[in-house]
C-alpha atoms as a PDB file:
ATOM      1  CA  MET A   1     -14.013   8.246 -24.132  1.00  0.00           C
ATOM      2  CA  ALA A   2     -11.555   9.784 -22.259  1.00  0.00           C
ATOM      3  CA  THR A   3      -9.302  12.761 -23.836  1.00  0.00           C
ATOM      4  CA  ASP A   4      -5.503  12.153 -23.572  1.00  0.00           C
ATOM      5  CA  LYS A   5      -5.822  15.418 -21.100  1.00  0.00           C
ATOM      6  CA  GLU A   6      -8.422  14.074 -18.781  1.00  0.00           C
ATOM      7  CA  LEU A   7      -6.561  10.783 -18.758  1.00  0.00           C
ATOM      8  CA  SER A   8      -3.700  12.451 -17.874  1.00  0.00           C
ATOM      9  CA  ASP A   9      -5.156  14.795 -15.291  1.00  0.00           C
ATOM     10  CA  PHE A  10      -6.790  11.771 -13.842  1.00  0.00           C
ATOM     11  CA  LEU A  11      -3.340   9.773 -13.091  1.00  0.00           C
ATOM     12  CA  GLU A  12      -1.889  12.638 -11.951  1.00  0.00           C
ATOM     13  CA  ASN A  13      -4.883  13.386  -9.396  1.00  0.00           C
ATOM     14  CA  VAL A  14      -4.719   9.824  -8.222  1.00  0.00           C
ATOM     15  CA  GLU A  15      -0.866   9.059  -8.145  1.00  0.00           C
ATOM     16  CA  ARG A  16      -0.055  10.197  -4.020  1.00  0.00           C
ATOM     17  CA  ARG A  17      -3.178   7.854  -3.270  1.00  0.00           C
ATOM     18  CA  ALA A  18      -2.306   4.901  -5.083  1.00  0.00           C
ATOM     19  CA  PHE A  19       1.493   5.340  -3.682  1.00  0.00           C
ATOM     20  CA  LYS A  20       0.025   5.573   0.209  1.00  0.00           C
ATOM     21  CA  GLN A  21      -2.542   2.415  -0.687  1.00  0.00           C
ATOM     22  CA  ALA A  22       0.218   0.583  -2.117  1.00  0.00           C
ATOM     23  CA  VAL A  23       2.769   1.212   0.617  1.00  0.00           C
ATOM     24  CA  TYR A  24       0.083   0.251   2.871  1.00  0.00           C
ATOM     25  CA  ALA A  25      -0.320  -2.635   1.601  1.00  0.00           C
ATOM     26  CA  VAL A  26       3.192  -3.766   0.730  1.00  0.00           C
ATOM     27  CA  ARG A  27       5.103  -1.894   3.294  1.00  0.00           C
ATOM     28  CA  LYS A  28       8.110  -0.908   0.913  1.00  0.00           C
ATOM     29  CA  ASP A  29       8.414   2.419  -0.435  1.00  0.00           C
ATOM     30  CA  GLU A  30      10.255   0.936  -3.821  1.00  0.00           C
ATOM     31  CA  ALA A  31       8.084  -1.831  -4.715  1.00  0.00           C
ATOM     32  CA  ALA A  32       4.832   0.646  -4.050  1.00  0.00           C
ATOM     33  CA  LEU A  33       6.294   2.794  -6.512  1.00  0.00           C
ATOM     34  CA  ASP A  34       6.243  -0.057  -8.999  1.00  0.00           C
ATOM     35  CA  ILE A  35       3.208  -1.290  -8.334  1.00  0.00           C
ATOM     36  CA  VAL A  36       1.488   2.292  -8.743  1.00  0.00           C
ATOM     37  CA  GLN A  37       3.578   2.614 -12.109  1.00  0.00           C
ATOM     38  CA  ASP A  38       2.713  -0.444 -13.365  1.00  0.00           C
ATOM     39  CA  ALA A  39      -1.182   0.239 -12.693  1.00  0.00           C
ATOM     40  CA  MET A  40      -0.675   3.187 -14.099  1.00  0.00           C
ATOM     41  CA  ILE A  41       0.285   1.951 -17.600  1.00  0.00           C
ATOM     42  CA  LYS A  42      -2.214  -1.000 -17.646  1.00  0.00           C
ATOM     43  CA  LEU A  43      -4.932   1.774 -17.176  1.00  0.00           C
ATOM     44  CA  ALA A  44      -3.742   3.890 -20.211  1.00  0.00           C
ATOM     45  CA  GLU A  45      -2.692   1.044 -22.650  1.00  0.00           C
ATOM     46  CA  LYS A  46      -5.844  -1.185 -21.806  1.00  0.00           C
ATOM     47  CA  TYR A  47      -8.675   1.241 -20.514  1.00  0.00           C
ATOM     48  CA  GLY A  48      -7.211   4.492 -22.308  1.00  0.00           C
ATOM     49  CA  ASP A  49     -10.151   4.542 -24.349  1.00  0.00           C
ATOM     50  CA  LYS A  50     -13.101   4.475 -21.620  1.00  0.00           C
ATOM     51  CA  PRO A  51     -15.104   7.558 -20.465  1.00  0.00           C
ATOM     52  CA  ALA A  52     -13.271   9.507 -17.697  1.00  0.00           C
ATOM     53  CA  ASN A  53     -15.918   8.546 -15.148  1.00  0.00           C
ATOM     54  CA  GLU A  54     -15.023   4.914 -15.253  1.00  0.00           C
ATOM     55  CA  LEU A  55     -11.321   5.321 -14.647  1.00  0.00           C
ATOM     56  CA  PRO A  56     -11.328   5.785 -10.889  1.00  0.00           C
ATOM     57  CA  LEU A  57     -13.479   2.573 -10.306  1.00  0.00           C
ATOM     58  CA  LEU A  58     -11.179   0.507 -12.944  1.00  0.00           C
ATOM     59  CA  PHE A  59      -8.173   2.121 -11.480  1.00  0.00           C
ATOM     60  CA  GLN A  60      -8.614   1.149  -8.097  1.00  0.00           C
ATOM     61  CA  ARG A  61      -9.532  -3.078  -9.607  1.00  0.00           C
ATOM     62  CA  ILE A  62      -6.286  -2.576 -11.684  1.00  0.00           C
ATOM     63  CA  LEU A  63      -3.913  -1.510  -8.673  1.00  0.00           C
ATOM     64  CA  GLN A  64      -5.812  -4.417  -6.656  1.00  0.00           C
ATOM     65  CA  ASN A  65      -4.694  -6.330  -8.960  1.00  0.00           C
ATOM     66  CA  THR A  66      -1.482  -5.252  -9.230  1.00  0.00           C
ATOM     67  CA  ILE A  67      -0.469  -5.667  -5.655  1.00  0.00           C
ATOM     68  CA  HIS A  68      -1.868  -9.079  -5.537  1.00  0.00           C
ATOM     69  CA  ASP A  69       0.620  -9.866  -8.713  1.00  0.00           C
ATOM     70  CA  PHE A  70       3.239  -8.448  -6.287  1.00  0.00           C
ATOM     71  CA  PHE A  71       2.436 -11.032  -3.519  1.00  0.00           C
ATOM     72  CA  ARG A  72       2.155 -13.845  -5.383  1.00  0.00           C
ATOM     73  CA  ARG A  73       6.033 -13.469  -7.321  1.00  0.00           C
ATOM     74  CA  GLU A  74       7.448 -12.531  -4.126  1.00  0.00           C
ATOM     75  CA  LYS A  75       5.761 -15.597  -2.938  1.00  0.00           C
ATOM     76  CA  VAL A  76       7.835 -17.795  -6.034  1.00  0.00           C
ATOM     77  CA  ARG A  77      10.864 -15.363  -5.293  1.00  0.00           C
ATOM     78  CA  THR A  78      10.825 -16.508  -1.901  1.00  0.00           C
ATOM     79  CA  THR A  79       9.940 -20.047  -2.373  1.00  0.00           C
ATOM     80  CA  TRP A  80      13.046 -20.683  -4.923  1.00  0.00           C
ATOM     81  CA  VAL A  81      15.764 -18.451  -2.356  1.00  0.00           C
ATOM     82  CA  SER A  82      14.995 -21.045   0.369  1.00  0.00           C
ATOM     83  CA  LEU A  83      15.240 -23.638  -2.273  1.00  0.00           C
ATOM     84  CA  PHE A  84      18.684 -22.671  -3.534  1.00  0.00           C
ATOM     85  CA  SER A  85      20.103 -20.904  -0.573  1.00  0.00           C
ATOM     86  CA  SER A  86      21.926 -24.462   0.495  1.00  0.00           C
ATOM     87  CA  ILE A  87      23.580 -24.544  -2.850  1.00  0.00           C
ATOM     88  CA  GLY A  88      27.291 -23.506  -2.674  1.00  0.00           C
ATOM     89  CA  ARG A  89      27.317 -23.752   1.446  1.00  0.00           C
ATOM     90  CA  ASP A  90      29.873 -26.205   1.489  1.00  0.00           C
ATOM     91  CA  ASN A  91      32.449 -24.102  -0.560  1.00  0.00           C
ATOM     92  CA  GLU A  92      35.131 -22.864   1.303  1.00  0.00           C
ATOM     93  CA  ASN A  93      35.261 -19.588   0.047  1.00  0.00           C
ATOM     94  CA  GLN A  94      31.837 -19.098   0.709  1.00  0.00           C
ATOM     95  CA  GLU A  95      32.298 -19.404   4.492  1.00  0.00           C
ATOM     96  CA  ASP A  96      34.345 -15.961   4.722  1.00  0.00           C
ATOM     97  CA  PHE A  97      31.953 -13.828   3.082  1.00  0.00           C
ATOM     98  CA  ASP A  98      29.660 -11.897   5.033  1.00  0.00           C
ATOM     99  CA  LEU A  99      26.843  -9.584   3.583  1.00  0.00           C
ATOM    100  CA  LEU A 100      26.420  -7.258   6.256  1.00  0.00           C
ATOM    101  CA  GLU A 101      30.314  -6.417   6.328  1.00  0.00           C
ATOM    102  CA  SER A 102      30.220  -5.698   2.472  1.00  0.00           C
ATOM    103  CA  TYR A 103      26.724  -3.949   2.640  1.00  0.00           C
ATOM    104  CA  GLU A 104      25.936  -0.130   3.261  1.00  0.00           C
ATOM    105  CA  ALA A 105      22.712   1.169   3.868  1.00  0.00           C
ATOM    106  CA  GLU A 106      22.054   4.237   1.980  1.00  0.00           C
ATOM    107  CA  GLU A 107      21.309   7.671   4.143  1.00  0.00           C
ATOM    108  CA  GLY A 108      18.023   8.440   4.994  1.00  0.00           C
ATOM    109  CA  THR A 109      16.481   4.964   4.035  1.00  0.00           C
ATOM    110  CA  GLN A 110      14.688   2.426   6.221  1.00  0.00           C
ATOM    111  CA  ALA A 111      17.774   0.153   6.211  1.00  0.00           C
ATOM    112  CA  SER A 112      19.776   2.986   7.610  1.00  0.00           C
ATOM    113  CA  GLU A 113      17.632   3.565  10.615  1.00  0.00           C
ATOM    114  CA  SER A 114      18.555   2.315  13.816  1.00  0.00           C
ATOM    115  CA  SER A 115      17.199  -0.970  15.000  1.00  0.00           C
ATOM    116  CA  ALA A 116      15.487   0.419  18.242  1.00  0.00           C
ATOM    117  CA  ASP A 117      13.407   3.151  16.259  1.00  0.00           C
ATOM    118  CA  LYS A 118      12.967   0.327  13.087  1.00  0.00           C
ATOM    119  CA  VAL A 119      11.139  -1.941  15.809  1.00  0.00           C
ATOM    120  CA  GLU A 120       9.103   0.762  17.292  1.00  0.00           C
ATOM    121  CA  ARG A 121       7.936   2.162  13.685  1.00  0.00           C
ATOM    122  CA  GLU A 122       7.305  -1.598  12.809  1.00  0.00           C
ATOM    123  CA  GLN A 123       5.624  -1.967  16.403  1.00  0.00           C
ATOM    124  CA  THR A 124       3.220   1.185  16.079  1.00  0.00           C
ATOM    125  CA  LEU A 125       2.077   0.165  12.218  1.00  0.00           C
ATOM    126  CA  ALA A 126       1.297  -3.175  13.468  1.00  0.00           C
ATOM    127  CA  LEU A 127      -1.047  -1.984  16.741  1.00  0.00           C
ATOM    128  CA  ILE A 128      -2.745   0.751  14.331  1.00  0.00           C
ATOM    129  CA  ASP A 129      -2.768  -1.680  11.405  1.00  0.00           C
ATOM    130  CA  ALA A 130      -4.347  -4.414  14.334  1.00  0.00           C
ATOM    131  CA  GLU A 131      -7.142  -1.566  15.341  1.00  0.00           C
ATOM    132  CA  VAL A 132      -8.123  -1.024  11.655  1.00  0.00           C
ATOM    133  CA  GLN A 133      -8.794  -4.617  11.354  1.00  0.00           C
ATOM    134  CA  LYS A 134     -10.597  -4.780  14.367  1.00  0.00           C
ATOM    135  CA  LEU A 135     -13.186  -1.757  12.962  1.00  0.00           C
ATOM    136  CA  PRO A 136     -16.442  -3.162  11.479  1.00  0.00           C
ATOM    137  CA  THR A 137     -16.131  -3.760   7.831  1.00  0.00           C
ATOM    138  CA  ARG A 138     -18.392  -0.550   6.171  1.00  0.00           C
ATOM    139  CA  GLN A 139     -15.928   1.702   8.766  1.00  0.00           C
ATOM    140  CA  ARG A 140     -12.959  -0.075   7.877  1.00  0.00           C
ATOM    141  CA  GLU A 141     -13.819   0.358   3.905  1.00  0.00           C
ATOM    142  CA  ALA A 142     -14.758   3.821   4.329  1.00  0.00           C
ATOM    143  CA  PHE A 143     -11.800   4.691   6.200  1.00  0.00           C
ATOM    144  CA  LEU A 144      -9.369   3.135   4.220  1.00  0.00           C
ATOM    145  CA  MET A 145     -10.627   4.774   1.414  1.00  0.00           C
ATOM    146  CA  ARG A 146     -10.701   8.389   2.344  1.00  0.00           C
ATOM    147  CA  TYR A 147      -7.875   8.469   4.418  1.00  0.00           C
ATOM    148  CA  TRP A 148      -5.110   5.835   2.713  1.00  0.00           C
ATOM    149  CA  GLN A 149      -6.564   6.178  -0.784  1.00  0.00           C
ATOM    150  CA  ASP A 150      -7.621  10.075  -0.548  1.00  0.00           C
ATOM    151  CA  MET A 151     -10.732   9.543  -2.251  1.00  0.00           C
ATOM    152  CA  ASP A 152     -13.266  12.209  -1.920  1.00  0.00           C
ATOM    153  CA  VAL A 153     -16.854  11.489  -0.354  1.00  0.00           C
ATOM    154  CA  ALA A 154     -18.542  11.370  -3.698  1.00  0.00           C
ATOM    155  CA  GLU A 155     -15.939   8.662  -5.011  1.00  0.00           C
ATOM    156  CA  THR A 156     -15.642   7.068  -1.285  1.00  0.00           C
ATOM    157  CA  ALA A 157     -19.887   6.780  -1.589  1.00  0.00           C
ATOM    158  CA  ALA A 158     -19.758   5.840  -5.482  1.00  0.00           C
ATOM    159  CA  ALA A 159     -17.416   2.921  -4.846  1.00  0.00           C
ATOM    160  CA  MET A 160     -19.461   1.709  -1.686  1.00  0.00           C
ATOM    161  CA  GLY A 161     -22.882   2.134  -3.103  1.00  0.00           C
ATOM    162  CA  CYS A 162     -24.291   4.057  -0.155  1.00  0.00           C
ATOM    163  CA  SER A 163     -24.521   7.827   0.470  1.00  0.00           C
ATOM    164  CA  GLU A 164     -22.231  10.524   0.631  1.00  0.00           C
ATOM    165  CA  GLY A 165     -23.951  10.747   4.633  1.00  0.00           C
ATOM    166  CA  SER A 166     -23.565   7.449   5.357  1.00  0.00           C
ATOM    167  CA  VAL A 167     -19.307   7.713   4.178  1.00  0.00           C
ATOM    168  CA  LYS A 168     -19.516  10.781   6.682  1.00  0.00           C
ATOM    169  CA  THR A 169     -20.924   8.857   9.445  1.00  0.00           C
ATOM    170  CA  HIS A 170     -18.651   5.712   9.029  1.00  0.00           C
ATOM    171  CA  CYS A 171     -15.546   7.790   8.754  1.00  0.00           C
ATOM    172  CA  SER A 172     -16.130   9.508  11.905  1.00  0.00           C
ATOM    173  CA  ARG A 173     -17.010   6.609  13.905  1.00  0.00           C
ATOM    174  CA  ALA A 174     -13.992   4.740  12.460  1.00  0.00           C
ATOM    175  CA  THR A 175     -11.399   7.982  13.426  1.00  0.00           C
ATOM    176  CA  HIS A 176     -13.303   8.096  16.794  1.00  0.00           C
ATOM    177  CA  ALA A 177     -12.634   4.450  17.766  1.00  0.00           C
ATOM    178  CA  LEU A 178      -9.525   4.299  15.860  1.00  0.00           C
ATOM    179  CA  ALA A 179      -7.999   7.273  18.273  1.00  0.00           C
ATOM    180  CA  GLN A 180      -9.538   6.005  21.453  1.00  0.00           C
ATOM    181  CA  ALA A 181      -7.995   1.728  20.835  1.00  0.00           C
ATOM    182  CA  LEU A 182      -4.496   4.574  20.162  1.00  0.00           C
ATOM    183  CA  ARG A 183      -4.846   6.393  23.109  1.00  0.00           C
ATOM    184  CA  ALA A 184      -5.266   3.627  25.418  1.00  0.00           C
ATOM    185  CA  LYS A 185      -2.253   2.004  24.364  1.00  0.00           C
ATOM    186  CA  GLY A 186      -0.230   5.218  24.580  1.00  0.00           C
ATOM    187  CA  ILE A 187       0.059   6.205  20.523  1.00  0.00           C
ATOM    188  CA  THR A 188      -0.666   9.399  19.704  1.00  0.00           C
ATOM    189  CA  LEU A 189      -0.762  10.753  16.458  1.00  0.00           C
END
């Protein structure tokens, strides 16, 4: 059974990589923070009494489920907003209202960046994502666990059910393939 200190240390160590994973999945910093916090709370409430060595895999499963829940809620929210967006359009007062005139983005956020920067960033991320998706399954798994989730070699090997040497090989091949593909498209990181 994990002690409170072990649970606290685990959550502190996993926070940054869980945030990176959530941001990669949902592409929204605020939503990613909420997802990570929800996953941490669920782990502490429901599985805080589990042995410390079981926490990493339990947390990954909880985090993935929380990300899936986010997408389900977004789908429902989008459906309701689109259904009710036409209500009140005939009202004369609403024809004069323009959200863009009253909205000011906070400095330093994605909403405040220029359109050109935003398009360039989104195109670059889309290219990187497409190249990651083209990787063979085991290479993609190893790459995402090691570099997006910041898992160490031993944790990745345990999660993938292979040796540490295999994880290193998969990661090496993945990084070389990605670097070559992105260089060919003019992207240098």
